[in-house]
PDB file of N, CA and C in Angstrom:
ATOM      1  N   PRO A   1       0.828  -1.204   0.000  1.00  0.00           N
ATOM      2  CA  PRO A   1       0.000   0.000   0.000  1.00  0.00           C
ATOM      3  C   PRO A   1       0.868   1.263   0.000  1.00  0.00           C
ATOM      4  N   PRO A   2       0.330   2.359  -0.550  1.00  0.00           N
ATOM      5  CA  PRO A   2       1.104   3.611  -0.558  1.00  0.00           C
ATOM      6  C   PRO A   2       1.279   4.140   0.868  1.00  0.00           C
ATOM      7  N   PRO A   3       2.368   4.886   1.095  1.00  0.00           N
ATOM      8  CA  PRO A   3       2.587   5.422   2.447  1.00  0.00           C
ATOM      9  C   PRO A   3       1.476   6.405   2.823  1.00  0.00           C
ATOM     10  N   LEU A   4       1.171   6.455   4.105  1.00  0.00           N
ATOM     11  CA  LEU A   4       0.137   7.373   4.586  1.00  0.00           C
ATOM     12  C   LEU A   4       0.679   8.799   4.622  1.00  0.00           C
ATOM     13  N   LEU A   5      -0.068   9.695   4.057  1.00  0.00           N
ATOM     14  CA  LEU A   5       0.310  11.105   4.068  1.00  0.00           C
ATOM     15  C   LEU A   5      -0.470  11.817   5.163  1.00  0.00           C
ATOM     16  N   PRO A   6       0.085  12.916   5.678  1.00  0.00           N
ATOM     17  CA  PRO A   6      -0.671  13.655   6.695  1.00  0.00           C
ATOM     18  C   PRO A   6      -2.001  14.147   6.128  1.00  0.00           C
ATOM     19  N   SER A   7      -3.002  14.147   6.960  1.00  0.00           N
ATOM     20  CA  SER A   7      -4.333  14.591   6.527  1.00  0.00           C
ATOM     21  C   SER A   7      -4.457  16.097   6.678  1.00  0.00           C
ATOM     22  N   PHE A   8      -5.022  16.731   5.662  1.00  0.00           N
ATOM     23  CA  PHE A   8      -5.278  18.164   5.688  1.00  0.00           C
ATOM     24  C   PHE A   8      -6.713  18.406   5.266  1.00  0.00           C
ATOM     25  N   ILE A   9      -7.294  19.434   5.803  1.00  0.00           N
ATOM     26  CA  ILE A   9      -8.629  19.830   5.364  1.00  0.00           C
ATOM     27  C   ILE A   9      -8.463  20.638   4.091  1.00  0.00           C
ATOM     28  N   ALA A  10      -9.085  20.186   3.018  1.00  0.00           N
ATOM     29  CA  ALA A  10      -8.968  20.870   1.734  1.00  0.00           C
ATOM     30  C   ALA A  10     -10.044  21.927   1.548  1.00  0.00           C
ATOM     31  N   GLY A  11     -11.138  21.792   2.239  1.00  0.00           N
ATOM     32  CA  GLY A  11     -12.216  22.766   2.103  1.00  0.00           C
ATOM     33  C   GLY A  11     -13.389  22.391   2.977  1.00  0.00           C
ATOM     34  N   ILE A  12     -14.215  23.368   3.231  1.00  0.00           N
ATOM     35  CA  ILE A  12     -15.400  23.162   4.059  1.00  0.00           C
ATOM     36  C   ILE A  12     -16.588  23.753   3.323  1.00  0.00           C
ATOM     37  N   ALA A  13     -17.679  23.053   3.339  1.00  0.00           N
ATOM     38  CA  ALA A  13     -18.910  23.566   2.729  1.00  0.00           C
ATOM     39  C   ALA A  13     -19.913  23.831   3.846  1.00  0.00           C
ATOM     40  N   TYR A  14     -20.146  25.089   4.111  1.00  0.00           N
ATOM     41  CA  TYR A  14     -21.110  25.447   5.152  1.00  0.00           C
ATOM     42  C   TYR A  14     -22.512  25.604   4.581  1.00  0.00           C
ATOM     43  N   GLY A  15     -22.612  26.009   3.327  1.00  0.00           N
ATOM     44  CA  GLY A  15     -23.880  26.088   2.621  1.00  0.00           C
ATOM     45  C   GLY A  15     -25.011  26.708   3.394  1.00  0.00           C
ATOM     46  N   SER A  16     -26.062  25.932   3.574  1.00  0.00           N
ATOM     47  CA  SER A  16     -27.286  26.467   4.173  1.00  0.00           C
ATOM     48  C   SER A  16     -27.082  26.879   5.627  1.00  0.00           C
ATOM     49  N   TYR A  17     -26.169  26.243   6.334  1.00  0.00           N
ATOM     50  CA  TYR A  17     -25.915  26.627   7.726  1.00  0.00           C
ATOM     51  C   TYR A  17     -25.400  28.061   7.796  1.00  0.00           C
ATOM     52  N   ALA A  18     -24.451  28.397   6.938  1.00  0.00           N
ATOM     53  CA  ALA A  18     -23.922  29.765   6.912  1.00  0.00           C
ATOM     54  C   ALA A  18     -24.992  30.748   6.467  1.00  0.00           C
ATOM     55  N   ARG A  19     -25.811  30.355   5.507  1.00  0.00           N
ATOM     56  CA  ARG A  19     -26.893  31.241   5.052  1.00  0.00           C
ATOM     57  C   ARG A  19     -27.875  31.535   6.176  1.00  0.00           C
ATOM     58  N   VAL A  20     -28.176  30.526   6.974  1.00  0.00           N
ATOM     59  CA  VAL A  20     -29.089  30.731   8.109  1.00  0.00           C
ATOM     60  C   VAL A  20     -28.479  31.726   9.093  1.00  0.00           C
ATOM     61  N   LEU A  21     -27.196  31.585   9.363  1.00  0.00           N
ATOM     62  CA  LEU A  21     -26.542  32.506  10.291  1.00  0.00           C
ATOM     63  C   LEU A  21     -26.477  33.925   9.737  1.00  0.00           C
ATOM     64  N   LEU A  22     -26.236  34.044   8.438  1.00  0.00           N
ATOM     65  CA  LEU A  22     -26.076  35.362   7.822  1.00  0.00           C
ATOM     66  C   LEU A  22     -27.393  35.997   7.397  1.00  0.00           C
ATOM     67  N   SER A  23     -28.468  35.231   7.363  1.00  0.00           N
ATOM     68  CA  SER A  23     -29.730  35.773   6.842  1.00  0.00           C
ATOM     69  C   SER A  23     -30.227  37.006   7.593  1.00  0.00           C
ATOM     70  N   PRO A  24     -30.106  37.114   8.919  1.00  0.00           N
ATOM     71  CA  PRO A  24     -30.548  38.355   9.564  1.00  0.00           C
ATOM     72  C   PRO A  24     -29.765  39.581   9.080  1.00  0.00           C
ATOM     73  N   ILE A  25     -28.487  39.404   8.830  1.00  0.00           N
ATOM     74  CA  ILE A  25     -27.670  40.514   8.334  1.00  0.00           C
ATOM     75  C   ILE A  25     -28.089  40.872   6.916  1.00  0.00           C
ATOM     76  N   LEU A  26     -28.299  39.861   6.081  1.00  0.00           N
ATOM     77  CA  LEU A  26     -28.714  40.122   4.701  1.00  0.00           C
ATOM     78  C   LEU A  26     -30.102  40.749   4.645  1.00  0.00           C
ATOM     79  N   GLU A  27     -30.978  40.356   5.567  1.00  0.00           N
ATOM     80  CA  GLU A  27     -32.312  40.964   5.620  1.00  0.00           C
ATOM     81  C   GLU A  27     -32.221  42.443   5.993  1.00  0.00           C
ATOM     82  N   GLN A  28     -31.320  42.783   6.907  1.00  0.00           N
ATOM     83  CA  GLN A  28     -31.119  44.192   7.251  1.00  0.00           C
ATOM     84  C   GLN A  28     -30.600  44.971   6.051  1.00  0.00           C
ATOM     85  N   LEU A  29     -29.713  44.350   5.292  1.00  0.00           N
ATOM     86  CA  LEU A  29     -29.176  44.993   4.096  1.00  0.00           C
ATOM     87  C   LEU A  29     -30.284  45.226   3.077  1.00  0.00           C
ATOM     88  N   GLU A  30     -31.133  44.228   2.869  1.00  0.00           N
ATOM     89  CA  GLU A  30     -32.261  44.372   1.945  1.00  0.00           C
ATOM     90  C   GLU A  30     -33.225  45.454   2.417  1.00  0.00           C
ATOM     91  N   ALA A  31     -33.443  45.543   3.725  1.00  0.00           N
ATOM     92  CA  ALA A  31     -34.335  46.570   4.267  1.00  0.00           C
ATOM     93  C   ALA A  31     -33.792  47.961   3.962  1.00  0.00           C
ATOM     94  N   ARG A  32     -32.490  48.112   3.976  1.00  0.00           N
ATOM     95  CA  ARG A  32     -31.884  49.406   3.646  1.00  0.00           C
ATOM     96  C   ARG A  32     -32.058  49.718   2.167  1.00  0.00           C
ATOM     97  N   GLU A  33     -32.038  48.675   1.326  1.00  0.00           N
ATOM     98  CA  GLU A  33     -32.290  48.888  -0.106  1.00  0.00           C
ATOM     99  C   GLU A  33     -33.723  49.350  -0.325  1.00  0.00           C
ATOM    100  N   VAL A  34     -34.669  48.708   0.361  1.00  0.00           N
ATOM    101  CA  VAL A  34     -36.083  49.058   0.216  1.00  0.00           C
ATOM    102  C   VAL A  34     -36.319  50.480   0.698  1.00  0.00           C
ATOM    103  N   LYS A  35     -35.667  50.839   1.790  1.00  0.00           N
ATOM    104  CA  LYS A  35     -35.804  52.184   2.343  1.00  0.00           C
ATOM    105  C   LYS A  35     -35.359  53.233   1.326  1.00  0.00           C
ATOM    106  N   ASN A  36     -34.355  52.894   0.534  1.00  0.00           N
ATOM    107  CA  ASN A  36     -33.826  53.817  -0.466  1.00  0.00           C
ATOM    108  C   ASN A  36     -34.363  53.502  -1.860  1.00  0.00           C
ATOM    109  N   ALA A  37     -35.483  52.801  -1.953  1.00  0.00           N
ATOM    110  CA  ALA A  37     -35.998  52.319  -3.241  1.00  0.00           C
ATOM    111  C   ALA A  37     -36.312  53.443  -4.211  1.00  0.00           C
ATOM    112  N   CYS A  38     -36.691  54.607  -3.715  1.00  0.00           N
ATOM    113  CA  CYS A  38     -37.021  55.705  -4.627  1.00  0.00           C
ATOM    114  C   CYS A  38     -35.797  56.161  -5.407  1.00  0.00           C
ATOM    115  N   VAL A  39     -34.604  55.872  -4.902  1.00  0.00           N
ATOM    116  CA  VAL A  39     -33.369  56.258  -5.578  1.00  0.00           C
ATOM    117  C   VAL A  39     -32.873  55.148  -6.493  1.00  0.00           C
ATOM    118  N   LYS A  40     -33.366  53.927  -6.323  1.00  0.00           N
ATOM    119  CA  LYS A  40     -32.988  52.756  -7.132  1.00  0.00           C
ATOM    120  C   LYS A  40     -31.489  52.479  -7.032  1.00  0.00           C
ATOM    121  N   THR A  41     -31.043  52.199  -5.829  1.00  0.00           N
ATOM    122  CA  THR A  41     -29.640  51.855  -5.621  1.00  0.00           C
ATOM    123  C   THR A  41     -29.547  50.473  -4.992  1.00  0.00           C
ATOM    124  N   THR A  42     -28.422  49.855  -5.187  1.00  0.00           N
ATOM    125  CA  THR A  42     -28.134  48.587  -4.536  1.00  0.00           C
ATOM    126  C   THR A  42     -27.190  48.879  -3.382  1.00  0.00           C
ATOM    127  N   VAL A  43     -27.573  48.463  -2.200  1.00  0.00           N
ATOM    128  CA  VAL A  43     -26.726  48.658  -1.032  1.00  0.00           C
ATOM    129  C   VAL A  43     -25.805  47.451  -0.931  1.00  0.00           C
ATOM    130  N   ARG A  44     -24.516  47.724  -0.921  1.00  0.00           N
ATOM    131  CA  ARG A  44     -23.530  46.647  -0.835  1.00  0.00           C
ATOM    132  C   ARG A  44     -23.080  46.469   0.605  1.00  0.00           C
ATOM    133  N   LEU A  45     -22.863  45.242   0.991  1.00  0.00           N
ATOM    134  CA  LEU A  45     -22.432  44.939   2.352  1.00  0.00           C
ATOM    135  C   LEU A  45     -21.145  45.694   2.690  1.00  0.00           C
ATOM    136  N   GLU A  46     -20.255  45.823   1.721  1.00  0.00           N
ATOM    137  CA  GLU A  46     -18.988  46.513   1.945  1.00  0.00           C
ATOM    138  C   GLU A  46     -19.186  47.992   2.261  1.00  0.00           C
ATOM    139  N   GLU A  47     -20.329  48.532   1.910  1.00  0.00           N
ATOM    140  CA  GLU A  47     -20.610  49.951   2.142  1.00  0.00           C
ATOM    141  C   GLU A  47     -21.334  50.183   3.467  1.00  0.00           C
ATOM    142  N   GLU A  48     -21.593  49.131   4.198  1.00  0.00           N
ATOM    143  CA  GLU A  48     -22.279  49.214   5.492  1.00  0.00           C
ATOM    144  C   GLU A  48     -21.354  48.628   6.565  1.00  0.00           C
ATOM    145  N   PRO A  49     -20.467  49.446   7.119  1.00  0.00           N
ATOM    146  CA  PRO A  49     -19.443  48.936   8.047  1.00  0.00           C
ATOM    147  C   PRO A  49     -19.998  48.136   9.228  1.00  0.00           C
ATOM    148  N   GLU A  50     -21.120  48.556   9.765  1.00  0.00           N
ATOM    149  CA  GLU A  50     -21.707  47.865  10.916  1.00  0.00           C
ATOM    150  C   GLU A  50     -22.135  46.441  10.535  1.00  0.00           C
ATOM    151  N   LEU A  51     -22.835  46.315   9.411  1.00  0.00           N
ATOM    152  CA  LEU A  51     -23.285  44.993   8.959  1.00  0.00           C
ATOM    153  C   LEU A  51     -22.108  44.143   8.496  1.00  0.00           C
ATOM    154  N   LEU A  52     -21.140  44.773   7.838  1.00  0.00           N
ATOM    155  CA  LEU A  52     -19.956  44.045   7.385  1.00  0.00           C
ATOM    156  C   LEU A  52     -19.209  43.455   8.578  1.00  0.00           C
ATOM    157  N   ALA A  53     -19.060  44.228   9.635  1.00  0.00           N
ATOM    158  CA  ALA A  53     -18.367  43.735  10.833  1.00  0.00           C
ATOM    159  C   ALA A  53     -19.103  42.539  11.432  1.00  0.00           C
ATOM    160  N   GLN A  54     -20.425  42.599  11.447  1.00  0.00           N
ATOM    161  CA  GLN A  54     -21.206  41.470  11.965  1.00  0.00           C
ATOM    162  C   GLN A  54     -21.007  40.228  11.099  1.00  0.00           C
ATOM    163  N   ALA A  55     -21.021  40.410   9.782  1.00  0.00           N
ATOM    164  CA  ALA A  55     -20.857  39.282   8.859  1.00  0.00           C
ATOM    165  C   ALA A  55     -19.465  38.666   8.987  1.00  0.00           C
ATOM    166  N   VAL A  56     -18.448  39.511   9.091  1.00  0.00           N
ATOM    167  CA  VAL A  56     -17.080  39.011   9.238  1.00  0.00           C
ATOM    168  C   VAL A  56     -16.927  38.266  10.563  1.00  0.00           C
ATOM    169  N   SER A  57     -17.536  38.783  11.602  1.00  0.00           N
ATOM    170  CA  SER A  57     -17.475  38.118  12.905  1.00  0.00           C
ATOM    171  C   SER A  57     -18.113  36.728  12.845  1.00  0.00           C
ATOM    172  N   LEU A  58     -19.261  36.631  12.179  1.00  0.00           N
ATOM    173  CA  LEU A  58     -19.908  35.323  12.025  1.00  0.00           C
ATOM    174  C   LEU A  58     -19.047  34.371  11.205  1.00  0.00           C
ATOM    175  N   ALA A  59     -18.497  34.870  10.107  1.00  0.00           N
ATOM    176  CA  ALA A  59     -17.638  34.026   9.267  1.00  0.00           C
ATOM    177  C   ALA A  59     -16.422  33.560  10.064  1.00  0.00           C
ATOM    178  N   HIS A  60     -15.853  34.463  10.830  1.00  0.00           N
ATOM    179  CA  HIS A  60     -14.691  34.104  11.653  1.00  0.00           C
ATOM    180  C   HIS A  60     -15.051  33.029  12.671  1.00  0.00           C
ATOM    181  N   SER A  61     -16.247  33.128  13.248  1.00  0.00           N
ATOM    182  CA  SER A  61     -16.651  32.127  14.243  1.00  0.00           C
ATOM    183  C   SER A  61     -16.757  30.733  13.624  1.00  0.00           C
ATOM    184  N   LEU A  62     -17.098  30.667  12.352  1.00  0.00           N
ATOM    185  CA  LEU A  62     -17.158  29.369  11.669  1.00  0.00           C
ATOM    186  C   LEU A  62     -15.758  28.849  11.355  1.00  0.00           C
ATOM    187  N   VAL A  63     -14.943  29.700  10.768  1.00  0.00           N
ATOM    188  CA  VAL A  63     -13.620  29.284  10.306  1.00  0.00           C
ATOM    189  C   VAL A  63     -12.663  29.059  11.472  1.00  0.00           C
ATOM    190  N   SER A  64     -12.784  29.858  12.518  1.00  0.00           N
ATOM    191  CA  SER A  64     -11.839  29.753  13.633  1.00  0.00           C
ATOM    192  C   SER A  64     -11.923  28.402  14.339  1.00  0.00           C
ATOM    193  N   GLN A  65     -13.026  27.707  14.180  1.00  0.00           N
ATOM    194  CA  GLN A  65     -13.142  26.377  14.777  1.00  0.00           C
ATOM    195  C   GLN A  65     -12.170  25.394  14.128  1.00  0.00           C
ATOM    196  N   LEU A  66     -11.762  25.699  12.901  1.00  0.00           N
ATOM    197  CA  LEU A  66     -10.892  24.792  12.152  1.00  0.00           C
ATOM    198  C   LEU A  66      -9.469  25.300  12.022  1.00  0.00           C
ATOM    199  N   LYS A  67      -9.284  26.603  12.158  1.00  0.00           N
ATOM    200  CA  LYS A  67      -7.966  27.200  11.974  1.00  0.00           C
ATOM    201  C   LYS A  67      -7.282  27.353  13.325  1.00  0.00           C
ATOM    202  N   SER A  68      -5.983  27.108  13.338  1.00  0.00           N
ATOM    203  CA  SER A  68      -5.245  27.347  14.575  1.00  0.00           C
ATOM    204  C   SER A  68      -5.053  28.846  14.754  1.00  0.00           C
ATOM    205  N   GLN A  69      -5.009  29.282  15.985  1.00  0.00           N
ATOM    206  CA  GLN A  69      -4.806  30.699  16.281  1.00  0.00           C
ATOM    207  C   GLN A  69      -3.326  31.018  16.114  1.00  0.00           C
ATOM    208  N   GLN A  70      -3.022  31.867  15.130  1.00  0.00           N
ATOM    209  CA  GLN A  70      -1.613  32.217  14.875  1.00  0.00           C
ATOM    210  C   GLN A  70      -1.414  33.686  15.035  1.00  0.00           C
TER     211      GLN A  70
END
């Protein structure tokens, strides 16, 4: 048999679990779009620092479970 190689995580699929966690943030973003509907603009998450920080914090909480703290 071939020699055993060290195991590494190649990727993680969070899919619907991540969407469930992020959906309140995305709903707030959509609400801001609706509020500004008369102007017909798309509100981007990157343009909303408060919501972006929340989204990054949630993403970090998922990834940090697998990544070593360096």
